[in-house]
Amino acid sequence: MARLEEEANYFAKQVLAPDSLVLIIMAHCNRIDEIFLYMVYRSLFKLGRQASSYCALHMAKYYSYKSINKDIIYQYLVPLEIYERIIKY
């Protein structure tokens, strides 16, 4: 039963806040820290506090030692620049 719950949670997270989009934001802003990621999950994806905290912790730990492919950023440059202005304030 725990395995099914884990899979359901992962599926829900990918539907609500896909890792691929978060990776694009991380690469564009060149940040991997938990606080930044928490703000992304809360403000952009509108996740709750606990879910945002969990997701930010997971992403920060997982990608802290990996390089992120920045080539995909160019496809999303304009929306990312708009979002970057929003989260700076």
N, C-alpha and C. Protein backbone atom coordinates (compact mmCIF):
# COMPACT_ATOMS: atom_id res chain seq x y z
N MET A 1 0.82 -1.20 0.00
CA MET A 1 0.00 0.00 0.00
C MET A 1 0.86 1.26 0.00
N ALA A 2 1.98 1.24 0.71
CA ALA A 2 2.85 2.42 0.76
C ALA A 2 3.40 2.73 -0.63
N ARG A 3 3.70 1.71 -1.40
CA ARG A 3 4.22 1.91 -2.75
C ARG A 3 3.20 2.60 -3.64
N LEU A 4 1.93 2.23 -3.54
CA LEU A 4 0.88 2.87 -4.33
C LEU A 4 0.72 4.33 -3.94
N GLU A 5 0.78 4.61 -2.65
CA GLU A 5 0.67 5.99 -2.19
C GLU A 5 1.85 6.83 -2.69
N GLU A 6 3.03 6.24 -2.67
CA GLU A 6 4.21 6.93 -3.16
C GLU A 6 4.07 7.25 -4.65
N GLU A 7 3.59 6.30 -5.42
CA GLU A 7 3.39 6.52 -6.84
C GLU A 7 2.31 7.56 -7.11
N ALA A 8 1.25 7.53 -6.33
CA ALA A 8 0.17 8.52 -6.48
C ALA A 8 0.68 9.92 -6.15
N ASN A 9 1.50 10.04 -5.11
CA ASN A 9 2.07 11.34 -4.75
C ASN A 9 2.99 11.87 -5.85
N TYR A 10 3.79 10.98 -6.41
CA TYR A 10 4.70 11.38 -7.48
C TYR A 10 3.90 11.84 -8.71
N PHE A 11 2.88 11.10 -9.06
CA PHE A 11 2.04 11.46 -10.20
C PHE A 11 1.39 12.83 -9.98
N ALA A 12 0.84 13.03 -8.80
CA ALA A 12 0.19 14.31 -8.49
C ALA A 12 1.19 15.46 -8.57
N LYS A 13 2.39 15.25 -8.07
CA LYS A 13 3.41 16.30 -8.12
C LYS A 13 3.76 16.64 -9.56
N GLN A 14 3.91 15.63 -10.41
CA GLN A 14 4.26 15.88 -11.81
C GLN A 14 3.14 16.58 -12.56
N VAL A 15 1.91 16.35 -12.17
CA VAL A 15 0.77 17.03 -12.79
C VAL A 15 0.71 18.48 -12.32
N LEU A 16 0.88 18.70 -11.03
CA LEU A 16 0.76 20.05 -10.45
C LEU A 16 2.00 20.91 -10.66
N ALA A 17 3.17 20.32 -10.58
CA ALA A 17 4.43 21.08 -10.68
C ALA A 17 5.49 20.20 -11.33
N PRO A 18 5.47 20.10 -12.65
CA PRO A 18 6.40 19.19 -13.33
C PRO A 18 7.87 19.54 -13.08
N ASP A 19 8.66 18.52 -12.80
CA ASP A 19 10.09 18.72 -12.57
C ASP A 19 10.76 19.42 -13.75
N SER A 20 10.31 19.12 -14.96
CA SER A 20 10.93 19.71 -16.14
C SER A 20 10.81 21.23 -16.14
N LEU A 21 9.66 21.74 -15.74
CA LEU A 21 9.49 23.20 -15.67
C LEU A 21 10.32 23.80 -14.56
N VAL A 22 10.38 23.13 -13.44
CA VAL A 22 11.19 23.62 -12.32
C VAL A 22 12.66 23.62 -12.71
N LEU A 23 13.10 22.61 -13.42
CA LEU A 23 14.49 22.56 -13.88
C LEU A 23 14.82 23.71 -14.82
N ILE A 24 13.89 24.06 -15.69
CA ILE A 24 14.11 25.19 -16.59
C ILE A 24 14.27 26.47 -15.80
N ILE A 25 13.42 26.66 -14.80
CA ILE A 25 13.51 27.86 -13.96
C ILE A 25 14.83 27.86 -13.18
N MET A 26 15.20 26.71 -12.64
CA MET A 26 16.46 26.62 -11.89
C MET A 26 17.65 26.97 -12.79
N ALA A 27 17.64 26.46 -14.00
CA ALA A 27 18.74 26.71 -14.92
C ALA A 27 18.79 28.18 -15.34
N HIS A 28 17.63 28.73 -15.62
CA HIS A 28 17.58 30.13 -16.06
C HIS A 28 18.05 31.08 -14.97
N CYS A 29 17.60 30.83 -13.77
CA CYS A 29 17.97 31.70 -12.64
C CYS A 29 19.30 31.31 -12.01
N ASN A 30 19.82 30.17 -12.44
CA ASN A 30 21.09 29.64 -11.92
C ASN A 30 21.07 29.51 -10.39
N ARG A 31 19.97 28.97 -9.89
CA ARG A 31 19.81 28.77 -8.45
C ARG A 31 19.25 27.39 -8.17
N ILE A 32 19.74 26.79 -7.10
CA ILE A 32 19.28 25.46 -6.71
C ILE A 32 18.91 25.43 -5.23
N ASP A 33 19.00 26.55 -4.54
CA ASP A 33 18.78 26.54 -3.09
C ASP A 33 17.31 26.31 -2.74
N GLU A 34 17.09 25.77 -1.56
CA GLU A 34 15.75 25.39 -1.11
C GLU A 34 14.79 26.57 -1.00
N ILE A 35 15.27 27.68 -0.53
CA ILE A 35 14.39 28.85 -0.35
C ILE A 35 13.86 29.33 -1.69
N PHE A 36 14.74 29.42 -2.67
CA PHE A 36 14.31 29.81 -4.01
C PHE A 36 13.29 28.82 -4.56
N LEU A 37 13.58 27.54 -4.44
CA LEU A 37 12.67 26.52 -4.94
C LEU A 37 11.33 26.55 -4.21
N TYR A 38 11.38 26.78 -2.92
CA TYR A 38 10.14 26.89 -2.14
C TYR A 38 9.28 28.03 -2.70
N MET A 39 9.91 29.16 -2.99
CA MET A 39 9.17 30.30 -3.55
C MET A 39 8.58 29.97 -4.91
N VAL A 40 9.32 29.22 -5.71
CA VAL A 40 8.82 28.83 -7.03
C VAL A 40 7.58 27.94 -6.88
N TYR A 41 7.65 26.95 -6.03
CA TYR A 41 6.50 26.05 -5.84
C TYR A 41 5.30 26.78 -5.26
N ARG A 42 5.54 27.67 -4.32
CA ARG A 42 4.43 28.40 -3.70
C ARG A 42 3.82 29.43 -4.65
N SER A 43 4.66 30.22 -5.32
CA SER A 43 4.12 31.33 -6.12
C SER A 43 3.70 30.91 -7.52
N LEU A 44 4.49 30.12 -8.18
CA LEU A 44 4.17 29.75 -9.56
C LEU A 44 3.16 28.61 -9.63
N PHE A 45 3.38 27.58 -8.83
CA PHE A 45 2.53 26.40 -8.91
C PHE A 45 1.42 26.38 -7.86
N LYS A 46 1.45 27.34 -6.95
CA LYS A 46 0.39 27.49 -5.93
C LYS A 46 0.23 26.26 -5.05
N LEU A 47 1.36 25.59 -4.75
CA LEU A 47 1.29 24.45 -3.83
C LEU A 47 1.22 24.94 -2.40
N GLY A 48 0.75 24.11 -1.51
CA GLY A 48 0.68 24.45 -0.10
C GLY A 48 2.07 24.49 0.53
N ARG A 49 2.12 24.92 1.77
CA ARG A 49 3.41 25.05 2.47
C ARG A 49 4.15 23.73 2.58
N GLN A 50 3.46 22.71 3.04
CA GLN A 50 4.10 21.42 3.25
C GLN A 50 4.56 20.81 1.92
N ALA A 51 3.70 20.85 0.92
CA ALA A 51 4.06 20.29 -0.38
C ALA A 51 5.22 21.07 -1.00
N SER A 52 5.19 22.39 -0.89
CA SER A 52 6.28 23.22 -1.43
C SER A 52 7.59 22.93 -0.73
N SER A 53 7.52 22.79 0.57
CA SER A 53 8.73 22.49 1.35
C SER A 53 9.30 21.14 0.96
N TYR A 54 8.45 20.14 0.85
CA TYR A 54 8.89 18.80 0.48
C TYR A 54 9.51 18.80 -0.92
N CYS A 55 8.84 19.42 -1.87
CA CYS A 55 9.33 19.46 -3.25
C CYS A 55 10.65 20.22 -3.35
N ALA A 56 10.74 21.35 -2.67
CA ALA A 56 11.97 22.15 -2.70
C ALA A 56 13.14 21.38 -2.11
N LEU A 57 12.90 20.71 -1.01
CA LEU A 57 13.95 19.93 -0.38
C LEU A 57 14.43 18.81 -1.31
N HIS A 58 13.49 18.12 -1.91
CA HIS A 58 13.82 17.02 -2.83
C HIS A 58 14.63 17.54 -4.03
N MET A 59 14.17 18.59 -4.67
CA MET A 59 14.85 19.11 -5.85
C MET A 59 16.23 19.66 -5.51
N ALA A 60 16.34 20.36 -4.41
CA ALA A 60 17.62 20.94 -4.02
C ALA A 60 18.64 19.85 -3.73
N LYS A 61 18.22 18.81 -3.04
CA LYS A 61 19.15 17.70 -2.74
C LYS A 61 19.52 16.94 -4.00
N TYR A 62 18.55 16.66 -4.83
CA TYR A 62 18.80 15.83 -6.00
C TYR A 62 19.68 16.53 -7.03
N TYR A 63 19.45 17.84 -7.23
CA TYR A 63 20.17 18.55 -8.28
C TYR A 63 21.36 19.36 -7.78
N SER A 64 21.66 19.28 -6.50
CA SER A 64 22.78 20.06 -5.98
C SER A 64 24.12 19.58 -6.53
N TYR A 65 24.19 18.34 -6.97
CA TYR A 65 25.45 17.82 -7.48
C TYR A 65 25.37 17.45 -8.96
N LYS A 66 24.30 17.81 -9.63
CA LYS A 66 24.15 17.51 -11.05
C LYS A 66 24.17 18.81 -11.85
N SER A 67 24.61 18.72 -13.09
CA SER A 67 24.54 19.90 -13.95
C SER A 67 23.20 19.89 -14.67
N ILE A 68 22.69 21.06 -14.96
CA ILE A 68 21.40 21.21 -15.62
C ILE A 68 21.64 21.67 -17.04
N ASN A 69 21.01 21.01 -17.99
CA ASN A 69 21.15 21.37 -19.39
C ASN A 69 20.45 22.70 -19.65
N LYS A 70 21.21 23.70 -20.01
CA LYS A 70 20.65 25.05 -20.18
C LYS A 70 20.18 25.32 -21.61
N ASP A 71 20.34 24.40 -22.52
CA ASP A 71 19.93 24.62 -23.90
C ASP A 71 18.43 24.83 -24.04
N ILE A 72 17.67 24.17 -23.21
CA ILE A 72 16.21 24.25 -23.31
C ILE A 72 15.68 25.62 -22.86
N ILE A 73 16.48 26.38 -22.14
CA ILE A 73 16.05 27.68 -21.62
C ILE A 73 15.63 28.61 -22.75
N TYR A 74 16.33 28.58 -23.85
CA TYR A 74 16.07 29.52 -24.94
C TYR A 74 14.66 29.41 -25.49
N GLN A 75 14.04 28.26 -25.38
CA GLN A 75 12.66 28.09 -25.83
C GLN A 75 11.68 28.85 -24.93
N TYR A 76 12.06 29.02 -23.67
CA TYR A 76 11.14 29.59 -22.68
C TYR A 76 11.65 30.92 -22.12
N LEU A 77 12.53 31.60 -22.84
CA LEU A 77 13.21 32.76 -22.30
C LEU A 77 12.27 33.90 -21.91
N VAL A 78 11.31 34.25 -22.74
CA VAL A 78 10.42 35.37 -22.44
C VAL A 78 9.55 35.10 -21.20
N PRO A 79 8.85 33.96 -21.13
CA PRO A 79 8.06 33.72 -19.91
C PRO A 79 8.93 33.64 -18.65
N LEU A 80 10.13 33.11 -18.78
CA LEU A 80 11.02 33.02 -17.63
C LEU A 80 11.48 34.38 -17.16
N GLU A 81 11.75 35.28 -18.07
CA GLU A 81 12.16 36.63 -17.69
C GLU A 81 11.02 37.35 -16.96
N ILE A 82 9.82 37.14 -17.42
CA ILE A 82 8.65 37.75 -16.74
C ILE A 82 8.52 37.18 -15.34
N TYR A 83 8.60 35.87 -15.21
CA TYR A 83 8.49 35.25 -13.90
C TYR A 83 9.63 35.67 -12.99
N GLU A 84 10.82 35.80 -13.54
CA GLU A 84 11.98 36.19 -12.74
C GLU A 84 11.76 37.58 -12.13
N ARG A 85 11.17 38.50 -12.90
CA ARG A 85 10.88 39.83 -12.37
C ARG A 85 9.87 39.75 -11.22
N ILE A 86 8.92 38.86 -11.35
CA ILE A 86 7.89 38.72 -10.32
C ILE A 86 8.48 38.20 -9.01
N ILE A 87 9.33 37.18 -9.06
CA ILE A 87 9.83 36.58 -7.82
C ILE A 87 10.95 37.37 -7.17
N LYS A 88 11.51 38.35 -7.87
CA LYS A 88 12.56 39.16 -7.26
C LYS A 88 11.99 40.11 -6.22
N TYR A 89 10.69 40.38 -6.28
CA TYR A 89 10.08 41.34 -5.34
C TYR A 89 9.30 40.67 -4.26
